[in-house]
Amino acid sequence: MKSFIPKDAGENRAWILVDAKDKVLGRLAVEIANVLRGKDKPTYSPHVDTGDFVVVINADKVKLTGKKNERKTYQRYSGYRSGLKEIPVSVLREKHPDSIVKLAVKGMLPKNNLCRKIINRLKVYAGNEHPHAAQKLKKVELV
């Protein structure tokens, strides 16, 4: 029996709309990462990019469980001495509410060249409006 190797989806990718209002961040991020990678399709292969586009709306209304609103911080390091920056999630929610969802999904993708291509297909918007109406989005209820 020959092994099936899927072709890159390219132009035939679907556009999926996800409403993040009152959804738990981690559980939502897992589902979005699986759709972006194509793990929900029978033609999934880890080394071929067969996933779809995902548009997330209402990212500012995503839920964090427990006391993560007060205690959770995001860290980044510049590479220089004393270059560690810590941003609490409450500050990040005010300044860039879309980046909370984006960082959660990026953390659940594999750390390789494929991840850099995949994360570009994720479109996150803080409000209810998005500029992708022409793509004929298919609304999917995740989680």
N, C-alpha and C. Protein backbone atom coordinates (compact mmCIF):
# COMPACT_ATOMS: atom_id res chain seq x y z
N MET A 1 0.83 -1.17 0.00
CA MET A 1 0.00 0.00 0.00
C MET A 1 0.88 1.24 0.00
N LYS A 2 0.53 2.23 -0.80
CA LYS A 2 1.33 3.44 -0.87
C LYS A 2 0.85 4.43 0.18
N SER A 3 1.79 5.23 0.70
CA SER A 3 1.44 6.26 1.68
C SER A 3 0.81 7.44 0.96
N PHE A 4 -0.21 8.01 1.59
CA PHE A 4 -0.88 9.18 1.04
C PHE A 4 -0.19 10.42 1.56
N ILE A 5 0.27 11.28 0.66
CA ILE A 5 0.87 12.55 1.04
C ILE A 5 -0.01 13.65 0.47
N PRO A 6 -0.65 14.43 1.35
CA PRO A 6 -1.56 15.47 0.86
C PRO A 6 -0.80 16.62 0.21
N LYS A 7 -1.46 17.26 -0.72
CA LYS A 7 -0.89 18.44 -1.35
C LYS A 7 -1.22 19.66 -0.48
N ASP A 8 -0.41 20.69 -0.60
CA ASP A 8 -0.67 21.93 0.13
C ASP A 8 -2.01 22.50 -0.33
N ALA A 9 -2.86 22.87 0.61
CA ALA A 9 -4.21 23.32 0.28
C ALA A 9 -4.21 24.58 -0.59
N GLY A 10 -3.30 25.51 -0.32
CA GLY A 10 -3.16 26.70 -1.14
C GLY A 10 -4.42 27.51 -1.29
N GLU A 11 -4.98 27.55 -2.51
CA GLU A 11 -6.14 28.38 -2.80
C GLU A 11 -7.44 27.79 -2.27
N ASN A 12 -7.47 26.53 -1.94
CA ASN A 12 -8.71 25.88 -1.54
C ASN A 12 -8.96 25.90 -0.04
N ARG A 13 -8.33 26.79 0.68
CA ARG A 13 -8.51 26.85 2.13
C ARG A 13 -9.85 27.49 2.47
N ALA A 14 -10.48 26.97 3.49
CA ALA A 14 -11.74 27.52 3.97
C ALA A 14 -11.45 28.67 4.93
N TRP A 15 -12.42 29.54 5.11
CA TRP A 15 -12.34 30.64 6.07
C TRP A 15 -13.35 30.36 7.17
N ILE A 16 -12.88 30.32 8.40
CA ILE A 16 -13.72 29.96 9.54
C ILE A 16 -13.80 31.14 10.49
N LEU A 17 -15.01 31.46 10.94
CA LEU A 17 -15.25 32.55 11.89
C LEU A 17 -15.52 31.96 13.26
N VAL A 18 -14.80 32.47 14.27
CA VAL A 18 -14.94 32.00 15.65
C VAL A 18 -15.26 33.20 16.53
N ASP A 19 -16.30 33.08 17.32
CA ASP A 19 -16.65 34.13 18.28
C ASP A 19 -16.09 33.73 19.64
N ALA A 20 -15.18 34.56 20.19
CA ALA A 20 -14.48 34.23 21.43
C ALA A 20 -15.19 34.75 22.67
N LYS A 21 -16.37 35.29 22.50
CA LYS A 21 -17.07 35.89 23.64
C LYS A 21 -17.41 34.83 24.69
N ASP A 22 -16.97 35.06 25.92
CA ASP A 22 -17.20 34.19 27.07
C ASP A 22 -16.69 32.77 26.88
N LYS A 23 -15.63 32.59 26.10
CA LYS A 23 -14.99 31.29 25.94
C LYS A 23 -13.72 31.28 26.79
N VAL A 24 -13.35 30.13 27.31
CA VAL A 24 -12.12 29.98 28.10
C VAL A 24 -10.93 30.01 27.13
N LEU A 25 -9.93 30.81 27.45
CA LEU A 25 -8.82 31.08 26.53
C LEU A 25 -8.08 29.82 26.10
N GLY A 26 -7.67 28.99 27.04
CA GLY A 26 -6.86 27.82 26.69
C GLY A 26 -7.60 26.82 25.83
N ARG A 27 -8.84 26.55 26.18
CA ARG A 27 -9.63 25.58 25.42
C ARG A 27 -9.93 26.09 24.01
N LEU A 28 -10.16 27.39 23.91
CA LEU A 28 -10.40 27.99 22.60
C LEU A 28 -9.13 27.94 21.74
N ALA A 29 -7.99 28.22 22.37
CA ALA A 29 -6.73 28.23 21.63
C ALA A 29 -6.37 26.85 21.08
N VAL A 30 -6.69 25.79 21.82
CA VAL A 30 -6.42 24.43 21.34
C VAL A 30 -7.23 24.15 20.08
N GLU A 31 -8.51 24.51 20.11
CA GLU A 31 -9.38 24.26 18.96
C GLU A 31 -8.94 25.06 17.74
N ILE A 32 -8.56 26.32 17.96
CA ILE A 32 -8.11 27.16 16.85
C ILE A 32 -6.81 26.62 16.27
N ALA A 33 -5.88 26.19 17.13
CA ALA A 33 -4.61 25.64 16.65
C ALA A 33 -4.83 24.38 15.82
N ASN A 34 -5.78 23.55 16.22
CA ASN A 34 -6.06 22.33 15.46
C ASN A 34 -6.63 22.65 14.08
N VAL A 35 -7.49 23.65 13.99
CA VAL A 35 -8.06 24.04 12.69
C VAL A 35 -6.98 24.66 11.81
N LEU A 36 -6.10 25.49 12.40
CA LEU A 36 -5.03 26.12 11.63
C LEU A 36 -4.06 25.08 11.06
N ARG A 37 -3.79 24.03 11.82
CA ARG A 37 -2.88 22.98 11.37
C ARG A 37 -3.54 22.01 10.41
N GLY A 38 -4.88 21.90 10.46
CA GLY A 38 -5.58 20.96 9.60
C GLY A 38 -5.81 19.62 10.28
N LYS A 39 -5.69 19.56 11.60
CA LYS A 39 -5.86 18.30 12.31
C LYS A 39 -7.31 17.82 12.33
N ASP A 40 -8.24 18.69 11.95
CA ASP A 40 -9.64 18.30 11.91
C ASP A 40 -10.02 17.65 10.58
N LYS A 41 -9.06 17.52 9.67
CA LYS A 41 -9.34 16.95 8.35
C LYS A 41 -8.78 15.54 8.25
N PRO A 42 -9.38 14.70 7.42
CA PRO A 42 -8.85 13.34 7.27
C PRO A 42 -7.53 13.30 6.51
N THR A 43 -7.17 14.38 5.83
CA THR A 43 -5.93 14.40 5.05
C THR A 43 -4.78 15.01 5.83
N TYR A 44 -4.87 15.07 7.16
CA TYR A 44 -3.84 15.70 7.98
C TYR A 44 -2.51 14.95 7.88
N SER A 45 -1.47 15.71 7.74
CA SER A 45 -0.11 15.19 7.79
C SER A 45 0.73 16.24 8.49
N PRO A 46 1.57 15.87 9.46
CA PRO A 46 2.27 16.88 10.26
C PRO A 46 3.25 17.75 9.49
N HIS A 47 3.74 17.27 8.36
CA HIS A 47 4.75 18.04 7.64
C HIS A 47 4.19 18.83 6.46
N VAL A 48 2.86 18.75 6.23
CA VAL A 48 2.23 19.47 5.13
C VAL A 48 1.19 20.43 5.73
N ASP A 49 1.19 21.64 5.21
CA ASP A 49 0.30 22.68 5.72
C ASP A 49 -1.06 22.59 5.01
N THR A 50 -2.03 21.94 5.66
CA THR A 50 -3.35 21.74 5.04
C THR A 50 -4.46 22.46 5.80
N GLY A 51 -4.12 23.34 6.71
CA GLY A 51 -5.11 24.00 7.56
C GLY A 51 -5.87 25.11 6.86
N ASP A 52 -6.82 25.69 7.59
CA ASP A 52 -7.69 26.73 7.07
C ASP A 52 -7.35 28.08 7.70
N PHE A 53 -7.97 29.14 7.18
CA PHE A 53 -7.87 30.46 7.78
C PHE A 53 -8.85 30.52 8.95
N VAL A 54 -8.49 31.24 10.00
CA VAL A 54 -9.37 31.41 11.15
C VAL A 54 -9.45 32.88 11.48
N VAL A 55 -10.68 33.41 11.57
CA VAL A 55 -10.93 34.79 11.97
C VAL A 55 -11.61 34.74 13.34
N VAL A 56 -10.99 35.38 14.33
CA VAL A 56 -11.52 35.40 15.69
C VAL A 56 -12.04 36.80 15.98
N ILE A 57 -13.29 36.89 16.42
CA ILE A 57 -13.85 38.18 16.80
C ILE A 57 -14.14 38.17 18.30
N ASN A 58 -14.35 39.35 18.87
CA ASN A 58 -14.59 39.54 20.31
C ASN A 58 -13.47 38.96 21.16
N ALA A 59 -12.24 39.17 20.76
CA ALA A 59 -11.09 38.66 21.51
C ALA A 59 -10.93 39.37 22.85
N ASP A 60 -11.49 40.56 22.98
CA ASP A 60 -11.38 41.28 24.25
C ASP A 60 -12.31 40.72 25.31
N LYS A 61 -13.28 39.87 24.91
CA LYS A 61 -14.23 39.32 25.86
C LYS A 61 -13.93 37.86 26.21
N VAL A 62 -12.71 37.39 25.93
CA VAL A 62 -12.34 36.02 26.25
C VAL A 62 -12.16 35.89 27.76
N LYS A 63 -12.47 34.71 28.30
CA LYS A 63 -12.44 34.48 29.73
C LYS A 63 -11.14 33.83 30.15
N LEU A 64 -10.64 34.21 31.31
CA LEU A 64 -9.52 33.54 31.96
C LEU A 64 -10.04 32.95 33.26
N THR A 65 -9.70 31.70 33.54
CA THR A 65 -10.21 31.03 34.73
C THR A 65 -9.34 31.33 35.94
N GLY A 66 -9.89 31.10 37.09
CA GLY A 66 -9.14 31.28 38.33
C GLY A 66 -8.76 32.72 38.56
N LYS A 67 -7.56 32.95 39.08
CA LYS A 67 -7.07 34.30 39.37
C LYS A 67 -6.06 34.77 38.34
N LYS A 68 -6.20 34.24 37.11
CA LYS A 68 -5.23 34.61 36.07
C LYS A 68 -5.33 36.07 35.67
N ASN A 69 -6.49 36.69 35.83
CA ASN A 69 -6.61 38.12 35.52
C ASN A 69 -5.67 38.97 36.36
N GLU A 70 -5.42 38.56 37.61
CA GLU A 70 -4.52 39.33 38.47
C GLU A 70 -3.09 38.82 38.44
N ARG A 71 -2.89 37.51 38.28
CA ARG A 71 -1.56 36.92 38.48
C ARG A 71 -0.79 36.61 37.20
N LYS A 72 -1.45 36.34 36.11
CA LYS A 72 -0.76 35.91 34.89
C LYS A 72 0.03 37.06 34.28
N THR A 73 1.28 36.77 33.88
CA THR A 73 2.12 37.76 33.21
C THR A 73 2.72 37.14 31.95
N TYR A 74 2.98 37.98 30.98
CA TYR A 74 3.68 37.56 29.77
C TYR A 74 5.09 38.12 29.83
N GLN A 75 6.07 37.29 29.48
CA GLN A 75 7.47 37.72 29.55
C GLN A 75 8.09 37.72 28.16
N ARG A 76 9.00 38.67 27.96
CA ARG A 76 9.83 38.64 26.76
C ARG A 76 11.21 39.14 27.15
N TYR A 77 12.20 38.66 26.45
CA TYR A 77 13.58 38.97 26.80
C TYR A 77 14.30 39.52 25.59
N SER A 78 14.95 40.67 25.76
CA SER A 78 15.60 41.34 24.64
C SER A 78 16.94 40.72 24.29
N GLY A 79 17.57 40.03 25.23
CA GLY A 79 18.88 39.45 25.00
C GLY A 79 19.97 40.21 25.73
N TYR A 80 19.66 41.40 26.20
CA TYR A 80 20.61 42.21 26.95
C TYR A 80 20.41 42.00 28.44
N ARG A 81 21.43 42.40 29.22
CA ARG A 81 21.29 42.32 30.67
C ARG A 81 20.13 43.19 31.12
N SER A 82 19.40 42.71 32.07
CA SER A 82 18.20 43.36 32.60
C SER A 82 17.21 43.71 31.48
N GLY A 83 17.14 42.84 30.49
CA GLY A 83 16.24 43.07 29.36
C GLY A 83 14.95 42.28 29.45
N LEU A 84 14.64 41.74 30.64
CA LEU A 84 13.41 40.98 30.81
C LEU A 84 12.24 41.92 31.06
N LYS A 85 11.23 41.84 30.23
CA LYS A 85 10.04 42.67 30.37
C LYS A 85 8.88 41.77 30.76
N GLU A 86 8.13 42.17 31.75
CA GLU A 86 6.95 41.43 32.18
C GLU A 86 5.73 42.34 32.04
N ILE A 87 4.69 41.80 31.40
CA ILE A 87 3.46 42.56 31.21
C ILE A 87 2.32 41.75 31.81
N PRO A 88 1.60 42.30 32.79
CA PRO A 88 0.44 41.58 33.33
C PRO A 88 -0.67 41.48 32.28
N VAL A 89 -1.47 40.43 32.38
CA VAL A 89 -2.51 40.20 31.39
C VAL A 89 -3.56 41.31 31.42
N SER A 90 -3.75 41.94 32.58
CA SER A 90 -4.73 43.03 32.65
C SER A 90 -4.29 44.23 31.82
N VAL A 91 -2.99 44.54 31.82
CA VAL A 91 -2.46 45.65 31.02
C VAL A 91 -2.51 45.30 29.54
N LEU A 92 -2.16 44.05 29.21
CA LEU A 92 -2.17 43.61 27.81
C LEU A 92 -3.60 43.60 27.26
N ARG A 93 -4.58 43.29 28.11
CA ARG A 93 -5.98 43.29 27.67
C ARG A 93 -6.45 44.70 27.33
N GLU A 94 -5.94 45.71 28.04
CA GLU A 94 -6.31 47.10 27.74
C GLU A 94 -5.62 47.60 26.47
N LYS A 95 -4.32 47.32 26.33
CA LYS A 95 -3.56 47.87 25.20
C LYS A 95 -3.76 47.08 23.92
N HIS A 96 -3.60 45.77 23.97
CA HIS A 96 -3.69 44.91 22.78
C HIS A 96 -4.52 43.67 23.11
N PRO A 97 -5.85 43.78 23.14
CA PRO A 97 -6.66 42.63 23.54
C PRO A 97 -6.58 41.47 22.55
N ASP A 98 -6.24 41.73 21.31
CA ASP A 98 -6.15 40.64 20.34
C ASP A 98 -4.90 39.78 20.55
N SER A 99 -3.85 40.34 21.15
CA SER A 99 -2.61 39.58 21.28
C SER A 99 -2.70 38.49 22.33
N ILE A 100 -3.66 38.54 23.24
CA ILE A 100 -3.82 37.48 24.23
C ILE A 100 -4.19 36.17 23.52
N VAL A 101 -5.13 36.24 22.61
CA VAL A 101 -5.54 35.05 21.86
C VAL A 101 -4.42 34.61 20.93
N LYS A 102 -3.77 35.55 20.28
CA LYS A 102 -2.71 35.22 19.33
C LYS A 102 -1.54 34.51 20.02
N LEU A 103 -1.14 34.99 21.19
CA LEU A 103 -0.05 34.37 21.93
C LEU A 103 -0.42 32.98 22.43
N ALA A 104 -1.68 32.80 22.84
CA ALA A 104 -2.12 31.49 23.31
C ALA A 104 -2.11 30.47 22.18
N VAL A 105 -2.57 30.87 21.01
CA VAL A 105 -2.58 29.95 19.86
C VAL A 105 -1.16 29.66 19.40
N LYS A 106 -0.32 30.67 19.36
CA LYS A 106 1.06 30.47 18.91
C LYS A 106 1.82 29.52 19.82
N GLY A 107 1.50 29.56 21.12
CA GLY A 107 2.14 28.64 22.05
C GLY A 107 1.73 27.20 21.85
N MET A 108 0.63 26.97 21.16
CA MET A 108 0.15 25.60 20.94
C MET A 108 0.48 25.06 19.56
N LEU A 109 1.23 25.82 18.79
CA LEU A 109 1.69 25.35 17.49
C LEU A 109 3.12 24.83 17.61
N PRO A 110 3.55 23.96 16.70
CA PRO A 110 4.93 23.47 16.77
C PRO A 110 5.92 24.59 16.49
N LYS A 111 7.06 24.54 17.14
CA LYS A 111 8.07 25.60 16.99
C LYS A 111 8.99 25.26 15.82
N ASN A 112 8.55 25.56 14.61
CA ASN A 112 9.35 25.29 13.42
C ASN A 112 8.94 26.26 12.31
N ASN A 113 9.46 26.05 11.12
CA ASN A 113 9.15 26.94 10.00
C ASN A 113 7.68 26.90 9.62
N LEU A 114 7.04 25.75 9.81
CA LEU A 114 5.64 25.60 9.48
C LEU A 114 4.77 26.49 10.37
N CYS A 115 5.17 26.66 11.63
CA CYS A 115 4.42 27.51 12.55
C CYS A 115 4.39 28.95 12.07
N ARG A 116 5.49 29.41 11.52
CA ARG A 116 5.54 30.79 11.05
C ARG A 116 4.60 31.03 9.88
N LYS A 117 4.38 30.02 9.06
CA LYS A 117 3.40 30.14 7.98
C LYS A 117 1.98 30.05 8.52
N ILE A 118 1.78 29.14 9.46
CA ILE A 118 0.45 28.87 9.98
C ILE A 118 -0.10 30.08 10.74
N ILE A 119 0.73 30.72 11.56
CA ILE A 119 0.25 31.81 12.41
C ILE A 119 -0.18 33.02 11.58
N ASN A 120 0.29 33.12 10.35
CA ASN A 120 -0.12 34.23 9.48
C ASN A 120 -1.56 34.06 9.00
N ARG A 121 -2.12 32.86 9.12
CA ARG A 121 -3.51 32.63 8.71
C ARG A 121 -4.50 32.88 9.83
N LEU A 122 -4.01 33.28 11.00
CA LEU A 122 -4.88 33.61 12.11
C LEU A 122 -5.13 35.11 12.13
N LYS A 123 -6.37 35.52 12.06
CA LYS A 123 -6.76 36.93 12.09
C LYS A 123 -7.60 37.15 13.34
N VAL A 124 -7.12 38.01 14.25
CA VAL A 124 -7.79 38.23 15.53
C VAL A 124 -8.22 39.69 15.63
N TYR A 125 -9.48 39.91 16.02
CA TYR A 125 -10.01 41.26 16.16
C TYR A 125 -10.69 41.40 17.51
N ALA A 126 -10.45 42.55 18.15
CA ALA A 126 -10.97 42.79 19.50
C ALA A 126 -12.48 42.97 19.50
N GLY A 127 -13.01 43.62 18.52
CA GLY A 127 -14.44 43.90 18.48
C GLY A 127 -15.21 42.86 17.71
N ASN A 128 -16.43 43.25 17.35
CA ASN A 128 -17.34 42.36 16.64
C ASN A 128 -17.19 42.47 15.13
N GLU A 129 -16.45 43.45 14.63
CA GLU A 129 -16.34 43.69 13.20
C GLU A 129 -14.99 43.22 12.66
N HIS A 130 -15.01 42.80 11.40
CA HIS A 130 -13.79 42.34 10.72
C HIS A 130 -13.90 42.67 9.24
N PRO A 131 -12.76 42.82 8.53
CA PRO A 131 -12.79 43.20 7.12
C PRO A 131 -12.80 42.01 6.16
N HIS A 132 -13.20 40.82 6.61
CA HIS A 132 -13.11 39.63 5.77
C HIS A 132 -14.47 39.12 5.31
N ALA A 133 -15.41 40.01 5.08
CA ALA A 133 -16.74 39.59 4.66
C ALA A 133 -16.73 38.98 3.26
N ALA A 134 -15.81 39.38 2.42
CA ALA A 134 -15.77 38.89 1.04
C ALA A 134 -15.31 37.44 0.95
N GLN A 135 -14.73 36.89 2.01
CA GLN A 135 -14.23 35.52 1.98
C GLN A 135 -15.28 34.45 2.28
N LYS A 136 -16.52 34.85 2.51
CA LYS A 136 -17.61 33.92 2.78
C LYS A 136 -17.26 33.02 3.96
N LEU A 137 -17.19 33.63 5.13
CA LEU A 137 -16.80 32.93 6.33
C LEU A 137 -17.86 31.92 6.77
N LYS A 138 -17.39 30.81 7.27
CA LYS A 138 -18.26 29.78 7.80
C LYS A 138 -18.17 29.85 9.33
N LYS A 139 -19.27 30.19 9.99
CA LYS A 139 -19.26 30.33 11.44
C LYS A 139 -19.25 28.97 12.10
N VAL A 140 -18.28 28.77 12.99
CA VAL A 140 -18.12 27.49 13.67
C VAL A 140 -18.15 27.74 15.17
N GLU A 141 -18.87 26.92 15.90
CA GLU A 141 -18.95 27.02 17.35
C GLU A 141 -17.91 26.06 17.94
N LEU A 142 -16.81 26.62 18.45
CA LEU A 142 -15.77 25.80 19.05
C LEU A 142 -15.96 25.77 20.56
N VAL A 143 -15.57 24.70 21.16
CA VAL A 143 -15.60 24.46 22.61
C VAL A 143 -16.98 24.48 23.18
